[in-house]
Protein backbone atom coordinates (compact mmCIF):
# COMPACT_ATOMS: atom_id res chain seq x y z
CA MET A 1 -18.50 -21.75 21.64
CA ASP A 2 -19.02 -20.48 18.09
CA ARG A 3 -16.56 -22.54 16.04
CA TYR A 4 -16.32 -19.98 13.22
CA GLN A 5 -15.63 -17.11 15.63
CA ALA A 6 -13.14 -19.17 17.62
CA MET A 7 -11.19 -19.97 14.46
CA ALA A 8 -11.22 -16.32 13.39
CA THR A 9 -9.99 -15.26 16.84
CA PHE A 10 -7.18 -17.81 16.83
CA ILE A 11 -6.09 -16.72 13.37
CA ARG A 12 -5.90 -13.10 14.49
CA VAL A 13 -3.90 -14.05 17.62
CA VAL A 14 -1.34 -15.95 15.55
CA GLU A 15 -1.04 -13.14 13.00
CA THR A 16 -0.64 -10.37 15.59
CA GLY A 17 1.37 -12.36 18.12
CA SER A 18 -0.58 -11.26 21.18
CA PHE A 19 -3.99 -11.40 22.80
CA SER A 20 -4.09 -7.63 23.25
CA SER A 21 -3.40 -6.82 19.58
CA ALA A 22 -5.92 -9.40 18.43
CA ALA A 23 -8.52 -8.01 20.84
CA ARG A 24 -7.93 -4.47 19.57
CA GLN A 25 -8.40 -5.51 15.95
CA LEU A 26 -11.48 -7.59 16.78
CA GLY A 27 -13.02 -4.83 18.89
CA VAL A 28 -13.38 -6.94 22.02
CA GLY A 29 -11.69 -7.11 25.40
CA GLN A 30 -8.50 -9.08 25.94
CA PRO A 31 -10.17 -11.42 28.50
CA ALA A 32 -12.68 -12.45 25.84
CA VAL A 33 -9.88 -13.40 23.46
CA SER A 34 -8.01 -15.33 26.16
CA LYS A 35 -11.19 -17.17 27.12
CA THR A 36 -11.93 -18.10 23.51
CA ILE A 37 -8.45 -19.55 22.98
CA ALA A 38 -8.64 -21.46 26.25
CA GLN A 39 -11.99 -22.96 25.26
CA LEU A 40 -10.63 -23.84 21.82
CA GLU A 41 -7.63 -25.64 23.33
CA SER A 42 -9.92 -27.44 25.78
CA ARG A 43 -12.22 -28.62 23.01
CA LEU A 44 -9.34 -29.79 20.83
CA GLN A 45 -7.47 -31.20 23.86
CA VAL A 46 -4.18 -29.84 22.55
CA SER A 47 -1.97 -26.83 23.25
CA LEU A 48 -2.11 -24.39 20.36
CA LEU A 49 0.13 -21.57 21.59
CA ILE A 50 3.46 -21.20 23.35
CA ARG A 51 3.37 -18.29 25.78
CA SER A 52 6.66 -16.53 26.58
CA THR A 53 8.04 -13.10 27.41
CA HIS A 54 8.50 -12.55 23.68
CA GLY A 55 4.82 -13.07 22.91
CA LEU A 56 2.78 -15.92 21.50
CA THR A 57 3.89 -18.44 18.90
CA PRO A 58 1.92 -21.44 17.64
CA THR A 59 2.91 -24.96 18.57
CA GLU A 60 3.28 -27.49 15.76
CA ALA A 61 -0.36 -28.44 16.27
CA GLY A 62 -1.27 -24.75 16.44
CA GLN A 63 0.50 -23.99 13.16
CA ASN A 64 -1.30 -26.84 11.42
CA PHE A 65 -4.62 -25.68 12.86
CA TYR A 66 -3.89 -22.07 11.84
CA GLU A 67 -3.19 -22.97 8.22
CA ARG A 68 -6.26 -25.19 7.90
CA ALA A 69 -8.51 -22.73 9.72
CA ARG A 70 -7.33 -19.87 7.54
CA ASN A 71 -8.11 -21.84 4.39
CA ALA A 72 -11.46 -22.95 5.80
CA LEU A 73 -12.57 -19.40 6.62
CA GLN A 74 -11.46 -18.15 3.25
CA GLU A 75 -13.51 -20.86 1.58
CA ALA A 76 -16.47 -19.96 3.80
CA ASP A 77 -16.21 -16.30 2.81
CA GLU A 78 -16.06 -17.23 -0.86
CA ALA A 79 -19.06 -19.52 -0.44
CA GLU A 80 -21.11 -16.73 1.14
CA LEU A 81 -20.23 -14.33 -1.67
CA ALA A 82 -21.16 -16.92 -4.27
CA ALA A 83 -24.47 -17.64 -2.53
CA LYS A 84 -25.35 -13.96 -2.27
CA GLY A 85 -24.44 -13.37 -5.88
CA ALA A 86 -22.30 -10.70 -7.45
CA GLY A 87 -25.08 -8.13 -7.16
CA ALA A 88 -25.09 -8.34 -3.38
CA GLY A 89 -21.70 -6.64 -3.15
CA LEU A 90 -19.16 -6.92 -0.37
CA TRP A 91 -19.74 -6.87 3.40
CA GLY A 92 -17.81 -5.90 6.50
CA ARG A 93 -14.76 -3.66 6.85
CA LEU A 94 -11.82 -3.25 4.49
CA ARG A 95 -8.56 -1.76 5.82
CA VAL A 96 -6.36 -0.17 3.15
CA SER A 97 -2.87 1.27 3.53
CA ALA A 98 -1.60 3.72 0.91
CA ALA A 99 0.87 6.54 0.36
CA THR A 100 -0.79 9.83 1.29
CA THR A 101 -0.49 11.75 -1.97
CA PHE A 102 -1.28 8.80 -4.21
CA ALA A 103 -4.44 8.02 -2.24
CA ARG A 104 -5.53 11.66 -2.14
CA LEU A 105 -5.10 12.17 -5.87
CA HIS A 106 -6.09 8.83 -7.35
CA VAL A 107 -8.04 6.68 -4.89
CA ILE A 108 -10.13 8.72 -2.45
CA PRO A 109 -11.86 10.86 -5.14
CA LYS A 110 -13.07 7.63 -6.79
CA LEU A 111 -14.16 5.88 -3.58
CA PRO A 112 -17.83 6.98 -3.88
CA GLN A 113 -18.13 4.72 -6.92
CA PHE A 114 -16.68 1.72 -5.07
CA LEU A 115 -18.79 2.34 -1.96
CA ALA A 116 -21.94 2.77 -4.05
CA GLU A 117 -21.32 -0.64 -5.59
CA HIS A 118 -20.89 -2.16 -2.11
CA PRO A 119 -23.30 -0.39 0.27
CA HIS A 120 -22.63 -2.86 3.12
CA LEU A 121 -18.85 -2.29 3.08
CA ASP A 122 -16.92 0.13 5.31
CA VAL A 123 -13.42 1.25 4.30
CA ASP A 124 -10.61 2.38 6.59
CA ILE A 125 -7.68 4.06 4.80
CA ILE A 126 -4.34 4.37 6.61
CA LEU A 127 -2.29 7.12 4.96
CA ASP A 128 1.48 6.76 5.38
CA ASP A 129 4.31 7.18 2.89
CA ARG A 130 6.31 4.50 4.73
CA MET A 131 5.61 0.78 4.60
CA ILE A 132 3.84 -0.22 7.80
CA ASP A 133 3.44 -3.63 9.44
CA LEU A 134 0.33 -4.88 7.64
CA VAL A 135 -0.38 -7.70 10.08
CA ALA A 136 0.04 -5.59 13.22
CA GLU A 137 -2.24 -2.90 11.78
CA GLY A 138 -4.85 -5.37 10.56
CA VAL A 139 -4.47 -4.18 6.96
CA ASP A 140 -6.15 -6.18 4.19
CA ILE A 141 -4.35 -4.54 1.26
CA SER A 142 -1.58 -1.99 0.84
CA LEU A 143 -0.99 0.11 -2.27
CA ARG A 144 2.74 0.71 -2.71
CA MET A 145 4.94 2.13 -5.46
CA GLY A 146 8.46 1.16 -6.49
CA ALA A 147 10.59 -1.78 -5.46
CA LEU A 148 9.25 -3.94 -2.64
CA SER A 149 11.70 -4.46 0.22
CA ASP A 150 9.86 -7.43 1.75
CA SER A 151 10.56 -10.51 -0.37
CA THR A 152 8.01 -12.53 1.61
CA ALA A 153 5.12 -10.20 0.76
CA VAL A 154 2.26 -11.44 -1.35
CA ALA A 155 2.05 -8.80 -4.07
CA ARG A 156 0.42 -8.19 -7.43
CA LYS A 157 1.50 -5.50 -9.89
CA ILE A 158 -1.55 -3.51 -10.90
CA ALA A 159 -0.09 -0.58 -12.86
CA THR A 160 3.11 0.83 -14.35
CA GLY A 161 3.68 4.56 -14.66
CA GLY A 162 6.29 6.96 -15.97
CA ARG A 163 8.88 9.03 -14.14
CA SER A 164 9.92 12.48 -15.26
CA VAL A 165 11.95 15.53 -14.34
CA LEU A 166 9.31 18.11 -13.42
CA ALA A 167 9.29 21.82 -12.63
CA THR A 168 6.97 24.80 -12.82
CA PRO A 169 7.17 27.19 -15.79
CA ALA A 170 8.02 29.98 -13.32
CA TYR A 171 11.09 28.12 -12.00
CA LEU A 172 12.30 27.32 -15.53
CA ALA A 173 11.85 30.94 -16.58
CA ARG A 174 14.07 31.96 -13.68
CA ALA A 175 16.71 29.21 -13.74
CA GLY A 176 16.68 28.03 -17.35
CA ARG A 177 15.74 24.70 -18.84
CA PRO A 178 18.20 21.79 -18.50
CA GLN A 179 19.18 20.25 -21.83
CA THR A 180 21.02 17.15 -20.60
CA PRO A 181 20.97 15.15 -17.34
CA ALA A 182 24.36 16.62 -16.45
CA ASP A 183 22.72 20.07 -16.34
CA LEU A 184 20.77 19.01 -13.24
CA ALA A 185 23.92 19.71 -11.20
CA ASN A 186 23.37 23.43 -11.89
CA HIS A 187 19.76 23.44 -10.68
CA ASP A 188 17.93 23.52 -7.38
CA THR A 189 16.70 19.95 -6.93
CA VAL A 190 14.09 19.08 -4.31
CA ILE A 191 14.92 15.62 -2.97
CA TYR A 192 12.27 13.11 -1.94
CA SER A 193 14.04 10.99 0.66
CA GLN A 194 11.87 7.92 0.00
CA LEU A 195 13.49 7.54 -3.45
CA PRO A 196 17.10 6.97 -4.55
CA SER A 197 19.29 9.99 -5.27
CA VAL A 198 21.10 8.37 -8.21
CA TRP A 199 19.09 8.17 -11.43
CA SER A 200 19.84 6.40 -14.71
CA PHE A 201 18.71 8.17 -17.86
CA THR A 202 18.70 6.44 -21.24
CA ARG A 203 18.61 7.83 -24.77
CA ASP A 204 19.15 5.99 -28.04
CA GLY A 205 20.57 3.00 -26.21
CA SER A 206 23.03 5.04 -24.15
CA ALA A 207 22.78 5.29 -20.35
CA VAL A 208 23.85 8.14 -18.09
CA SER A 209 23.75 8.02 -14.28
CA VAL A 210 23.32 11.27 -12.38
CA SER A 211 23.55 11.85 -8.64
CA VAL A 212 21.14 14.60 -7.69
CA SER A 213 21.42 16.78 -4.62
CA GLY A 214 19.73 19.88 -3.29
CA ARG A 215 19.30 22.18 -0.34
CA LEU A 216 15.81 20.88 0.41
CA ARG A 217 15.02 17.27 1.29
CA VAL A 218 11.51 16.14 2.24
CA SER A 219 10.27 12.84 3.67
CA ALA A 220 6.69 12.98 2.39
CA ALA A 221 5.27 13.45 -1.08
CA GLU A 222 2.99 16.26 0.09
CA GLY A 223 6.08 18.27 1.02
CA LEU A 224 7.63 17.60 -2.36
CA ARG A 225 4.51 18.79 -4.13
CA ALA A 226 4.34 21.94 -2.03
CA ALA A 227 7.98 22.80 -2.72
CA ILE A 228 7.75 22.28 -6.47
CA LEU A 229 4.50 24.23 -6.75
CA ALA A 230 6.20 27.05 -4.79
CA ASP A 231 8.76 27.28 -7.64
CA MET A 232 11.61 26.09 -5.39
CA GLY A 233 13.26 23.86 -7.98
CA LEU A 234 12.82 20.75 -10.05
CA THR A 235 12.46 17.14 -9.02
CA ILE A 236 12.51 13.60 -10.35
CA THR A 237 9.29 11.80 -9.46
CA SER A 238 6.44 9.69 -10.76
CA ASP A 239 3.99 11.37 -13.12
CA TRP A 240 1.21 10.08 -10.83
CA MET A 241 2.35 12.44 -8.08
CA PHE A 242 1.67 15.54 -10.20
CA ALA A 243 -1.10 14.22 -12.44
CA PRO A 244 -3.50 17.21 -12.04
CA GLU A 245 -0.71 19.76 -12.56
CA LEU A 246 0.68 17.97 -15.62
CA GLU A 247 -2.77 18.07 -17.14
CA SER A 248 -3.30 21.76 -16.35
CA GLY A 249 0.24 22.86 -17.24
CA ALA A 250 1.05 24.03 -13.72
CA VAL A 251 4.12 21.77 -13.94
CA VAL A 252 5.90 20.58 -17.08
CA ARG A 253 8.32 17.83 -18.04
CA VAL A 254 11.90 18.61 -18.96
CA LEU A 255 14.57 16.38 -20.53
CA GLU A 256 11.77 14.61 -22.39
CA ALA A 257 14.25 13.14 -24.89
CA TRP A 258 15.74 11.12 -22.02
CA SER A 259 13.97 8.20 -20.38
CA LEU A 260 13.87 7.31 -16.69
CA PRO A 261 13.00 3.88 -15.24
CA SER A 262 9.26 3.37 -14.94
CA ILE A 263 7.58 2.85 -11.57
CA ASP A 264 5.28 -0.01 -10.60
CA LEU A 265 2.19 0.15 -8.42
CA TRP A 266 1.68 -2.95 -6.29
CA ALA A 267 -1.23 -4.36 -4.36
CA VAL A 268 0.47 -5.91 -1.32
CA PHE A 269 -1.33 -8.42 0.89
CA PRO A 270 -0.27 -9.57 4.39
CA ALA A 271 1.82 -12.71 4.02
CA ARG A 272 0.27 -14.43 7.04
CA ARG A 273 -3.34 -13.47 6.51
CA MET A 274 -6.08 -14.56 4.18
CA MET A 275 -6.33 -12.65 0.92
CA THR A 276 -9.97 -11.68 1.21
CA ALA A 277 -12.44 -11.21 -1.61
CA LYS A 278 -12.76 -7.60 -0.44
CA ALA A 279 -9.04 -7.01 -0.92
CA ARG A 280 -8.98 -8.68 -4.33
CA GLN A 281 -11.92 -6.67 -5.61
CA PHE A 282 -10.43 -3.43 -4.30
CA ALA A 283 -7.15 -4.23 -6.07
CA GLY A 284 -9.11 -4.76 -9.29
CA PHE A 285 -10.93 -1.48 -8.75
CA VAL A 286 -7.66 0.47 -8.37
CA GLU A 287 -6.15 -1.35 -11.34
CA GLU A 288 -9.05 -0.19 -13.50
CA LEU A 289 -8.70 3.36 -12.19
CA MET A 290 -5.03 3.55 -13.07
CA GLN A 291 -5.62 2.58 -16.69
CA SER A 292 -6.80 6.14 -17.31
CA ALA A 293 -4.27 7.90 -15.05
CA VAL A 294 -1.37 9.97 -16.37
């Protein structure tokens, strides 16, 4: 039995909670995973997992082994990278989760640079505007904007961006330009359901809260972009979401004398998995990219 592989398999079983999920992520059959765990328990002469109708949970011995094995494999990975040297780049597969529009505009166009620096690395990108289960999906790093709902997540803030009220010149020519936040009540507002509908504007130390509503509500940023670019109304969103159009003038900011809360971009790592060197370097890569973003 390969001790390194057995430890890696056990770690994946604990993190996914089942043999079948671990097998799927490892790219092997479920019997192979079951056999590996059985051999590991036989060698250690201790029960590592409790099997029930609700899945698999580690015993006390299994939890201790999991934590030490996870640290050991992380140290082994770091040792290999150090031995190969920085010029050798990264190896293996990196699974990234990101919001669709953000990845399409800011990450994917720059990926050739990252892949060229690491020719032995493969990247899987899972595009979803909703937060997914990082452990169940085998994700190494997730790029998420705004407040984080999971207080147990291991996260690092890598950028802060502005929010604005945006519209196309054609819509403003038709409907007029709002002069105060209260004027938004008289406009067609396209609502992005992933964000709050009550916004706090500030100006010269004074705060005004406005509840926005509209006839069109969309659940994905791509729909919001399509509606705004079709001159259907104005919206409150991050400048990142319309970066190319802000630069070209296809959309413009209104109420610029009023400030909206900024938005943070986070690199989120699975709480129960090792933070790999691949994930850390990718987070640094995105952080550097966002320094020049709108």
